[in-house]
Amino acid sequence: RAIRVHQDLSERPDLGAEKRTAALLELAMDYQKAGLLDHAEQILVDVAARAAGNEIQQRETLTLLKQIYEQERDWRKAIAVAGRLESGVGGGRPEGRQETANFHCELAVEAHADGSDASAYLDAALAANPLCVRANLLRGEWLAAAGRHMEAIEAWQRIEAQNADYVGLMADQLLASYVALDRADEGLAVLRRMQEQYPALDMFGALYRATLEKQGPLAAASMARADLKRHPTLVGLDRLFEAEMLAAGEQQQA
């Protein structure tokens, strides 16, 4: 019923340009909600090509079109539309560099799954947004899988300069690459430094597990206790109890 109403409205000859565009945008959203993405896309492409309506409507048209391309996983078209939005089409503020970078990452994932070289897409993601953490996460993961551990470590360490809040995401993989290079102690030292500077539960968990495995429960308890003093968390307290339990004798455990 909504489709019929908005279709009838958009075809009325007495409507002004802005009201007709508003009806067409509503019609496109109706089709989108009904799962008829091709119909919605056709309307939005036409409205965008004619630059119909006011500046706000032009921007809304491109935003809806981008959403449809995301649903269809048509990343190249999504990149093209996001580029128009970034350039301030419709009088709005430039936006979406993070989205554009993520679309390039999606193309990289598809290329890698097909066995193709995905590095150009990752480079494009970083060109669109130099702070794209995902690009370096993926690059490091794929380099490590190919046995190129030093290059993987370099890719992951760039994340620290991009956004230190995300260093915990690559902690386990980073340490695994150091272990593969027979440099486990150096890897542990890197994790300790990062945990001191950018405390995160992911980083703490990786550091605790590695210390427990490589140096034993006493060292793990000492590490957990020191971290708990700097950054009190229930997870840290649990790990401290766990390590002390493993280090204790039977009477102490009881």
C-alpha atoms as a PDB file:
ATOM      1  CA  ARG A   1       0.000   0.000   0.000  1.00  0.00           C
ATOM      2  CA  ALA A   2       2.842   2.371   0.822  1.00  0.00           C
ATOM      3  CA  ILE A   3       4.433   1.652  -2.560  1.00  0.00           C
ATOM      4  CA  ARG A   4       1.178   2.421  -4.349  1.00  0.00           C
ATOM      5  CA  VAL A   5       0.629   5.658  -2.417  1.00  0.00           C
ATOM      6  CA  HIS A   6       4.135   6.979  -3.002  1.00  0.00           C
ATOM      7  CA  GLN A   7       4.089   5.870  -6.628  1.00  0.00           C
ATOM      8  CA  ASP A   8       0.853   7.769  -7.224  1.00  0.00           C
ATOM      9  CA  LEU A   9       2.234  10.831  -5.472  1.00  0.00           C
ATOM     10  CA  SER A  10       5.456  10.835  -7.493  1.00  0.00           C
ATOM     11  CA  GLU A  11       3.476  10.723 -10.751  1.00  0.00           C
ATOM     12  CA  ARG A  12       1.191  13.679  -9.977  1.00  0.00           C
ATOM     13  CA  PRO A  13       1.778  16.442 -12.558  1.00  0.00           C
ATOM     14  CA  ASP A  14       1.087  19.288 -10.116  1.00  0.00           C
ATOM     15  CA  LEU A  15       3.912  18.413  -7.685  1.00  0.00           C
ATOM     16  CA  GLY A  16       6.969  20.644  -7.411  1.00  0.00           C
ATOM     17  CA  ALA A  17      10.497  19.238  -7.816  1.00  0.00           C
ATOM     18  CA  GLU A  18      11.218  18.915  -4.101  1.00  0.00           C
ATOM     19  CA  LYS A  19       7.911  17.216  -3.266  1.00  0.00           C
ATOM     20  CA  ARG A  20       8.283  14.828  -6.212  1.00  0.00           C
ATOM     21  CA  THR A  21      11.812  13.966  -5.074  1.00  0.00           C
ATOM     22  CA  ALA A  22      10.538  13.415  -1.518  1.00  0.00           C
ATOM     23  CA  ALA A  23       7.895  10.994  -2.847  1.00  0.00           C
ATOM     24  CA  LEU A  24      10.504   9.159  -4.940  1.00  0.00           C
ATOM     25  CA  LEU A  25      12.821   8.812  -1.949  1.00  0.00           C
ATOM     26  CA  GLU A  26       9.980   7.395   0.134  1.00  0.00           C
ATOM     27  CA  LEU A  27       9.143   5.019  -2.723  1.00  0.00           C
ATOM     28  CA  ALA A  28      12.764   3.876  -2.893  1.00  0.00           C
ATOM     29  CA  MET A  29      12.749   3.191   0.849  1.00  0.00           C
ATOM     30  CA  ASP A  30       9.506   1.236   0.472  1.00  0.00           C
ATOM     31  CA  TYR A  31      11.116  -0.975  -2.164  1.00  0.00           C
ATOM     32  CA  GLN A  32      14.221  -1.369  -0.002  1.00  0.00           C
ATOM     33  CA  LYS A  33      12.161  -2.493   2.995  1.00  0.00           C
ATOM     34  CA  ALA A  34      10.264  -4.910   0.756  1.00  0.00           C
ATOM     35  CA  GLY A  35      13.560  -6.435  -0.390  1.00  0.00           C
ATOM     36  CA  LEU A  36      13.155  -5.165  -3.969  1.00  0.00           C
ATOM     37  CA  LEU A  37      16.613  -3.633  -4.061  1.00  0.00           C
ATOM     38  CA  ASP A  38      16.848  -3.442  -7.851  1.00  0.00           C
ATOM     39  CA  HIS A  39      13.695  -1.269  -7.974  1.00  0.00           C
ATOM     40  CA  ALA A  40      15.020   0.991  -5.216  1.00  0.00           C
ATOM     41  CA  GLU A  41      18.400   1.275  -6.923  1.00  0.00           C
ATOM     42  CA  GLN A  42      16.822   2.219 -10.249  1.00  0.00           C
ATOM     43  CA  ILE A  43      14.866   5.094  -8.664  1.00  0.00           C
ATOM     44  CA  LEU A  44      17.844   6.401  -6.682  1.00  0.00           C
ATOM     45  CA  VAL A  45      20.252   6.204  -9.621  1.00  0.00           C
ATOM     46  CA  ASP A  46      17.801   8.229 -11.697  1.00  0.00           C
ATOM     47  CA  VAL A  47      17.279  10.844  -8.964  1.00  0.00           C
ATOM     48  CA  ALA A  48      21.054  11.110  -8.406  1.00  0.00           C
ATOM     49  CA  ALA A  49      21.749  11.461 -12.135  1.00  0.00           C
ATOM     50  CA  ARG A  50      19.275  14.333 -12.418  1.00  0.00           C
ATOM     51  CA  ALA A  51      20.491  15.944  -9.156  1.00  0.00           C
ATOM     52  CA  ALA A  52      16.802  16.329  -8.359  1.00  0.00           C
ATOM     53  CA  GLY A  53      15.497  18.080  -5.283  1.00  0.00           C
ATOM     54  CA  ASN A  54      17.343  20.257  -2.812  1.00  0.00           C
ATOM     55  CA  GLU A  55      20.850  19.724  -1.429  1.00  0.00           C
ATOM     56  CA  ILE A  56      19.637  17.731   1.577  1.00  0.00           C
ATOM     57  CA  GLN A  57      17.606  15.428  -0.696  1.00  0.00           C
ATOM     58  CA  GLN A  58      20.580  14.913  -3.014  1.00  0.00           C
ATOM     59  CA  ARG A  59      22.652  13.833  -0.051  1.00  0.00           C
ATOM     60  CA  GLU A  60      19.891  11.547   1.230  1.00  0.00           C
ATOM     61  CA  THR A  61      19.655   9.986  -2.239  1.00  0.00           C
ATOM     62  CA  LEU A  62      23.362   9.123  -2.258  1.00  0.00           C
ATOM     63  CA  THR A  63      23.233   7.845   1.321  1.00  0.00           C
ATOM     64  CA  LEU A  64      20.339   5.496   0.508  1.00  0.00           C
ATOM     65  CA  LEU A  65      22.075   4.350  -2.669  1.00  0.00           C
ATOM     66  CA  LYS A  66      25.234   3.574  -0.698  1.00  0.00           C
ATOM     67  CA  GLN A  67      23.222   1.534   1.807  1.00  0.00           C
ATOM     68  CA  ILE A  68      21.725  -0.526  -1.016  1.00  0.00           C
ATOM     69  CA  TYR A  69      25.150  -1.241  -2.516  1.00  0.00           C
ATOM     70  CA  GLU A  70      26.303  -2.344   0.937  1.00  0.00           C
ATOM     71  CA  GLN A  71      23.333  -4.737   1.158  1.00  0.00           C
ATOM     72  CA  GLU A  72      24.158  -6.057  -2.309  1.00  0.00           C
ATOM     73  CA  ARG A  73      27.862  -6.245  -1.398  1.00  0.00           C
ATOM     74  CA  ASP A  74      28.675  -4.263  -4.531  1.00  0.00           C
ATOM     75  CA  TRP A  75      31.717  -2.620  -3.007  1.00  0.00           C
ATOM     76  CA  ARG A  76      32.951  -0.856  -6.144  1.00  0.00           C
ATOM     77  CA  LYS A  77      29.685   1.005  -6.607  1.00  0.00           C
ATOM     78  CA  ALA A  78      29.594   1.737  -2.880  1.00  0.00           C
ATOM     79  CA  ILE A  79      33.078   3.264  -3.144  1.00  0.00           C
ATOM     80  CA  ALA A  80      31.987   5.457  -6.057  1.00  0.00           C
ATOM     81  CA  VAL A  81      28.946   6.774  -4.174  1.00  0.00           C
ATOM     82  CA  ALA A  82      30.918   7.252  -0.958  1.00  0.00           C
ATOM     83  CA  GLY A  83      33.408   9.302  -2.984  1.00  0.00           C
ATOM     84  CA  ARG A  84      30.631  11.640  -4.063  1.00  0.00           C
ATOM     85  CA  LEU A  85      29.510  11.987  -0.464  1.00  0.00           C
ATOM     86  CA  GLU A  86      33.074  12.684   0.688  1.00  0.00           C
ATOM     87  CA  SER A  87      33.416  15.447  -1.885  1.00  0.00           C
ATOM     88  CA  GLY A  88      30.514  17.247  -0.268  1.00  0.00           C
ATOM     89  CA  VAL A  89      27.870  16.581  -2.929  1.00  0.00           C
ATOM     90  CA  GLY A  90      24.614  18.158  -1.846  1.00  0.00           C
ATOM     91  CA  GLY A  91      26.261  20.844   0.222  1.00  0.00           C
ATOM     92  CA  GLY A  92      27.024  18.518   3.122  1.00  0.00           C
ATOM     93  CA  ARG A  93      30.255  18.012   4.968  1.00  0.00           C
ATOM     94  CA  PRO A  94      32.811  15.552   3.569  1.00  0.00           C
ATOM     95  CA  GLU A  95      32.330  12.201   5.295  1.00  0.00           C
ATOM     96  CA  GLY A  96      32.756   8.499   4.928  1.00  0.00           C
ATOM     97  CA  ARG A  97      36.530   8.065   4.581  1.00  0.00           C
ATOM     98  CA  GLN A  98      36.315   5.263   7.120  1.00  0.00           C
ATOM     99  CA  GLU A  99      33.502   3.670   5.142  1.00  0.00           C
ATOM    100  CA  THR A 100      35.420   3.953   1.870  1.00  0.00           C
ATOM    101  CA  ALA A 101      38.458   2.354   3.473  1.00  0.00           C
ATOM    102  CA  ASN A 102      36.270  -0.455   4.802  1.00  0.00           C
ATOM    103  CA  PHE A 103      34.798  -1.062   1.327  1.00  0.00           C
ATOM    104  CA  HIS A 104      38.341  -1.438  -0.024  1.00  0.00           C
ATOM    105  CA  CYS A 105      39.022  -3.910   2.808  1.00  0.00           C
ATOM    106  CA  GLU A 106      35.944  -5.895   1.758  1.00  0.00           C
ATOM    107  CA  LEU A 107      37.341  -6.074  -1.787  1.00  0.00           C
ATOM    108  CA  ALA A 108      40.647  -7.231  -0.292  1.00  0.00           C
ATOM    109  CA  VAL A 109      38.892 -10.005   1.648  1.00  0.00           C
ATOM    110  CA  GLU A 110      37.130 -11.177  -1.514  1.00  0.00           C
ATOM    111  CA  ALA A 111      40.367 -11.110  -3.521  1.00  0.00           C
ATOM    112  CA  HIS A 112      42.247 -13.020  -0.823  1.00  0.00           C
ATOM    113  CA  ALA A 113      39.485 -15.642  -0.656  1.00  0.00           C
ATOM    114  CA  ASP A 114      39.843 -16.114  -4.417  1.00  0.00           C
ATOM    115  CA  GLY A 115      43.584 -16.596  -4.093  1.00  0.00           C
ATOM    116  CA  SER A 116      44.367 -13.231  -5.709  1.00  0.00           C
ATOM    117  CA  ASP A 117      46.781 -10.563  -4.495  1.00  0.00           C
ATOM    118  CA  ALA A 118      44.827  -8.315  -2.155  1.00  0.00           C
ATOM    119  CA  SER A 119      47.621  -5.867  -1.274  1.00  0.00           C
ATOM    120  CA  ALA A 120      46.487  -3.208  -3.764  1.00  0.00           C
ATOM    121  CA  TYR A 121      43.072  -3.043  -2.092  1.00  0.00           C
ATOM    122  CA  LEU A 122      44.691  -2.690   1.332  1.00  0.00           C
ATOM    123  CA  ASP A 123      46.891   0.098  -0.034  1.00  0.00           C
ATOM    124  CA  ALA A 124      43.761   1.797  -1.401  1.00  0.00           C
ATOM    125  CA  ALA A 125      42.082   1.485   2.009  1.00  0.00           C
ATOM    126  CA  LEU A 126      45.017   3.201   3.691  1.00  0.00           C
ATOM    127  CA  ALA A 127      45.104   5.867   0.982  1.00  0.00           C
ATOM    128  CA  ALA A 128      41.419   6.592   1.632  1.00  0.00           C
ATOM    129  CA  ASN A 129      41.919   6.586   5.397  1.00  0.00           C
ATOM    130  CA  PRO A 130      45.482   6.352   6.795  1.00  0.00           C
ATOM    131  CA  LEU A 131      43.971   5.440  10.174  1.00  0.00           C
ATOM    132  CA  CYS A 132      42.288   2.291   8.839  1.00  0.00           C
ATOM    133  CA  VAL A 133      43.270  -0.271  11.471  1.00  0.00           C
ATOM    134  CA  ARG A 134      41.490  -3.093   9.653  1.00  0.00           C
ATOM    135  CA  ALA A 135      43.835  -2.841   6.654  1.00  0.00           C
ATOM    136  CA  ASN A 136      46.906  -3.479   8.793  1.00  0.00           C
ATOM    137  CA  LEU A 137      45.156  -6.200  10.791  1.00  0.00           C
ATOM    138  CA  LEU A 138      44.358  -8.050   7.558  1.00  0.00           C
ATOM    139  CA  ARG A 139      47.784  -7.452   6.044  1.00  0.00           C
ATOM    140  CA  GLY A 140      49.509  -8.787   9.129  1.00  0.00           C
ATOM    141  CA  GLU A 141      47.233 -11.824   9.316  1.00  0.00           C
ATOM    142  CA  TRP A 142      47.831 -12.774   5.687  1.00  0.00           C
ATOM    143  CA  LEU A 143      51.603 -12.147   5.827  1.00  0.00           C
ATOM    144  CA  ALA A 144      51.879 -14.339   8.930  1.00  0.00           C
ATOM    145  CA  ALA A 145      49.865 -17.099   7.240  1.00  0.00           C
ATOM    146  CA  ALA A 146      52.354 -16.946   4.353  1.00  0.00           C
ATOM    147  CA  GLY A 147      55.259 -17.334   6.782  1.00  0.00           C
ATOM    148  CA  ARG A 148      56.423 -13.715   6.358  1.00  0.00           C
ATOM    149  CA  HIS A 149      56.442 -13.057  10.086  1.00  0.00           C
ATOM    150  CA  MET A 150      58.767 -10.047  10.224  1.00  0.00           C
ATOM    151  CA  GLU A 151      56.630  -8.202   7.679  1.00  0.00           C
ATOM    152  CA  ALA A 152      53.511  -9.231   9.603  1.00  0.00           C
ATOM    153  CA  ILE A 153      54.969  -7.796  12.821  1.00  0.00           C
ATOM    154  CA  GLU A 154      55.754  -4.526  11.042  1.00  0.00           C
ATOM    155  CA  ALA A 155      52.179  -4.305   9.729  1.00  0.00           C
ATOM    156  CA  TRP A 156      50.664  -4.958  13.164  1.00  0.00           C
ATOM    157  CA  GLN A 157      52.985  -2.500  14.888  1.00  0.00           C
ATOM    158  CA  ARG A 158      51.697   0.284  12.620  1.00  0.00           C
ATOM    159  CA  ILE A 159      48.362  -0.051  14.424  1.00  0.00           C
ATOM    160  CA  GLU A 160      49.949   1.508  17.507  1.00  0.00           C
ATOM    161  CA  ALA A 161      50.462   4.766  15.573  1.00  0.00           C
ATOM    162  CA  GLN A 162      47.036   4.550  13.924  1.00  0.00           C
ATOM    163  CA  ASN A 163      44.925   4.006  17.031  1.00  0.00           C
ATOM    164  CA  ALA A 164      46.474   2.526  20.156  1.00  0.00           C
ATOM    165  CA  ASP A 165      43.034   1.516  21.449  1.00  0.00           C
ATOM    166  CA  TYR A 166      43.104  -1.397  18.996  1.00  0.00           C
ATOM    167  CA  VAL A 167      46.534  -2.895  19.757  1.00  0.00           C
ATOM    168  CA  GLY A 168      44.929  -5.660  21.809  1.00  0.00           C
ATOM    169  CA  LEU A 169      43.242  -7.058  18.686  1.00  0.00           C
ATOM    170  CA  MET A 170      46.537  -8.331  17.293  1.00  0.00           C
ATOM    171  CA  ALA A 171      48.260  -9.286  20.545  1.00  0.00           C
ATOM    172  CA  ASP A 172      48.012 -13.083  20.200  1.00  0.00           C
ATOM    173  CA  GLN A 173      48.996 -13.031  16.518  1.00  0.00           C
ATOM    174  CA  LEU A 174      51.878 -10.645  17.147  1.00  0.00           C
ATOM    175  CA  LEU A 175      53.312 -12.894  19.832  1.00  0.00           C
ATOM    176  CA  ALA A 176      52.817 -15.985  17.645  1.00  0.00           C
ATOM    177  CA  SER A 177      54.928 -14.385  14.913  1.00  0.00           C
ATOM    178  CA  TYR A 178      57.676 -13.541  17.413  1.00  0.00           C
ATOM    179  CA  VAL A 179      57.573 -17.176  18.591  1.00  0.00           C
ATOM    180  CA  ALA A 180      57.793 -18.379  14.973  1.00  0.00           C
ATOM    181  CA  LEU A 181      60.949 -16.259  14.610  1.00  0.00           C
ATOM    182  CA  ASP A 182      62.328 -17.789  17.834  1.00  0.00           C
ATOM    183  CA  ARG A 183      62.123 -14.379  19.524  1.00  0.00           C
ATOM    184  CA  ALA A 184      59.485 -15.126  22.158  1.00  0.00           C
ATOM    185  CA  ASP A 185      61.151 -13.037  24.898  1.00  0.00           C
ATOM    186  CA  GLU A 186      61.234 -10.008  22.629  1.00  0.00           C
ATOM    187  CA  GLY A 187      57.571 -10.546  21.820  1.00  0.00           C
ATOM    188  CA  LEU A 188      56.680 -10.690  25.517  1.00  0.00           C
ATOM    189  CA  ALA A 189      58.621  -7.480  26.133  1.00  0.00           C
ATOM    190  CA  VAL A 190      56.686  -5.741  23.344  1.00  0.00           C
ATOM    191  CA  LEU A 191      53.359  -6.884  24.813  1.00  0.00           C
ATOM    192  CA  ARG A 192      54.369  -5.744  28.306  1.00  0.00           C
ATOM    193  CA  ARG A 193      55.272  -2.294  27.021  1.00  0.00           C
ATOM    194  CA  MET A 194      52.008  -1.978  25.119  1.00  0.00           C
ATOM    195  CA  GLN A 195      49.967  -3.148  28.099  1.00  0.00           C
ATOM    196  CA  GLU A 196      51.667  -0.568  30.315  1.00  0.00           C
ATOM    197  CA  GLN A 197      51.020   2.220  27.804  1.00  0.00           C
ATOM    198  CA  TYR A 198      47.629   1.162  26.420  1.00  0.00           C
ATOM    199  CA  PRO A 199      45.963  -1.161  28.951  1.00  0.00           C
ATOM    200  CA  ALA A 200      43.377  -3.440  27.362  1.00  0.00           C
ATOM    201  CA  LEU A 201      41.767  -6.718  28.399  1.00  0.00           C
ATOM    202  CA  ASP A 202      42.701  -8.388  25.085  1.00  0.00           C
ATOM    203  CA  MET A 203      46.338  -7.426  25.537  1.00  0.00           C
ATOM    204  CA  PHE A 204      46.322  -8.470  29.193  1.00  0.00           C
ATOM    205  CA  GLY A 205      44.834 -11.861  28.310  1.00  0.00           C
ATOM    206  CA  ALA A 206      47.457 -12.536  25.623  1.00  0.00           C
ATOM    207  CA  LEU A 207      50.260 -11.434  27.925  1.00  0.00           C
ATOM    208  CA  TYR A 208      48.982 -13.527  30.832  1.00  0.00           C
ATOM    209  CA  ARG A 209      48.610 -16.695  28.734  1.00  0.00           C
ATOM    210  CA  ALA A 210      52.047 -16.266  27.173  1.00  0.00           C
ATOM    211  CA  THR A 211      53.742 -15.581  30.517  1.00  0.00           C
ATOM    212  CA  LEU A 212      52.037 -18.597  32.075  1.00  0.00           C
ATOM    213  CA  GLU A 213      53.128 -20.842  29.197  1.00  0.00           C
ATOM    214  CA  LYS A 214      56.684 -19.546  28.798  1.00  0.00           C
ATOM    215  CA  GLN A 215      57.675 -18.611  32.364  1.00  0.00           C
ATOM    216  CA  GLY A 216      55.289 -20.491  34.639  1.00  0.00           C
ATOM    217  CA  PRO A 217      52.591 -19.614  37.202  1.00  0.00           C
ATOM    218  CA  LEU A 218      54.837 -17.597  39.544  1.00  0.00           C
ATOM    219  CA  ALA A 219      55.835 -15.215  36.758  1.00  0.00           C
ATOM    220  CA  ALA A 220      52.217 -15.059  35.569  1.00  0.00           C
ATOM    221  CA  ALA A 221      51.007 -14.218  39.093  1.00  0.00           C
ATOM    222  CA  SER A 222      53.653 -11.515  39.414  1.00  0.00           C
ATOM    223  CA  MET A 223      52.638 -10.033  36.057  1.00  0.00           C
ATOM    224  CA  ALA A 224      48.935 -10.139  36.941  1.00  0.00           C
ATOM    225  CA  ARG A 225      49.552  -8.548  40.346  1.00  0.00           C
ATOM    226  CA  ALA A 226      51.576  -5.690  38.848  1.00  0.00           C
ATOM    227  CA  ASP A 227      48.947  -5.064  36.168  1.00  0.00           C
ATOM    228  CA  LEU A 228      46.164  -5.213  38.747  1.00  0.00           C
ATOM    229  CA  LYS A 229      47.812  -2.439  40.756  1.00  0.00           C
ATOM    230  CA  ARG A 230      48.048  -0.204  37.680  1.00  0.00           C
ATOM    231  CA  HIS A 231      44.690  -1.102  36.115  1.00  0.00           C
ATOM    232  CA  PRO A 232      42.259  -2.780  38.550  1.00  0.00           C
ATOM    233  CA  THR A 233      39.864  -5.143  36.771  1.00  0.00           C
ATOM    234  CA  LEU A 234      37.904  -8.234  37.808  1.00  0.00           C
ATOM    235  CA  VAL A 235      39.517 -10.145  34.941  1.00  0.00           C
ATOM    236  CA  GLY A 236      42.945  -9.268  36.303  1.00  0.00           C
ATOM    237  CA  LEU A 237      41.915 -10.416  39.781  1.00  0.00           C
ATOM    238  CA  ASP A 238      40.614 -13.729  38.387  1.00  0.00           C
ATOM    239  CA  ARG A 239      43.886 -14.341  36.525  1.00  0.00           C
ATOM    240  CA  LEU A 240      45.912 -13.521  39.657  1.00  0.00           C
ATOM    241  CA  PHE A 241      43.922 -16.070  41.686  1.00  0.00           C
ATOM    242  CA  GLU A 242      44.286 -18.622  38.892  1.00  0.00           C
ATOM    243  CA  ALA A 243      48.077 -18.217  38.685  1.00  0.00           C
ATOM    244  CA  GLU A 244      48.509 -18.319  42.460  1.00  0.00           C
ATOM    245  CA  MET A 245      46.372 -21.448  42.627  1.00  0.00           C
ATOM    246  CA  LEU A 246      48.555 -23.129  39.996  1.00  0.00           C
ATOM    247  CA  ALA A 247      51.720 -22.158  41.890  1.00  0.00           C
ATOM    248  CA  ALA A 248      50.434 -23.228  45.307  1.00  0.00           C
ATOM    249  CA  GLY A 249      50.810 -26.579  46.989  1.00  0.00           C
ATOM    250  CA  GLU A 250      47.834 -28.734  47.946  1.00  0.00           C
ATOM    251  CA  GLN A 251      47.507 -27.319  51.460  1.00  0.00           C
ATOM    252  CA  GLN A 252      47.721 -23.738  50.173  1.00  0.00           C
ATOM    253  CA  GLN A 253      45.146 -24.451  47.482  1.00  0.00           C
ATOM    254  CA  ALA A 254      42.650 -25.632  50.054  1.00  0.00           C
END
